[in-house]
């Protein structure tokens, strides 16, 4: 039996939604997208909320939750949105914040934020 489990994305994209390896679960980066794969309208807080809600659902689908997140990587289209992003981000980790990196990048279809997380699942 493989020590690596790949959880396919429901989207027609060449990556897994998540990969379980050892005691960790690695989620692919998430953008604020609708069911048709278009980036949703809204400011960085609205997009951050949508991204973190999707991440929470992906974690739940894999049998865990936000409290198990140990690391996050964030890409912001504009570092001027950093304070507004942080305000929304902190609301989604009431059990404690994960370790984190944040950089500025040009994102797919003009998205304002992309987040990927790693979770400890034991």
Foldseek 3Di string as FASTA:
>chain_A
DDQKDFAQDPDPDPGGQWMHHDQKIWGDKFWCADPVGAHDDDDLLVGLLSRLVVVQVSQVVVPHGPQQWAEKEKEFQDCVCVVVSVVNVVVRHPVDDHHYYYYYDQDPNRTGMMMITMGGRD
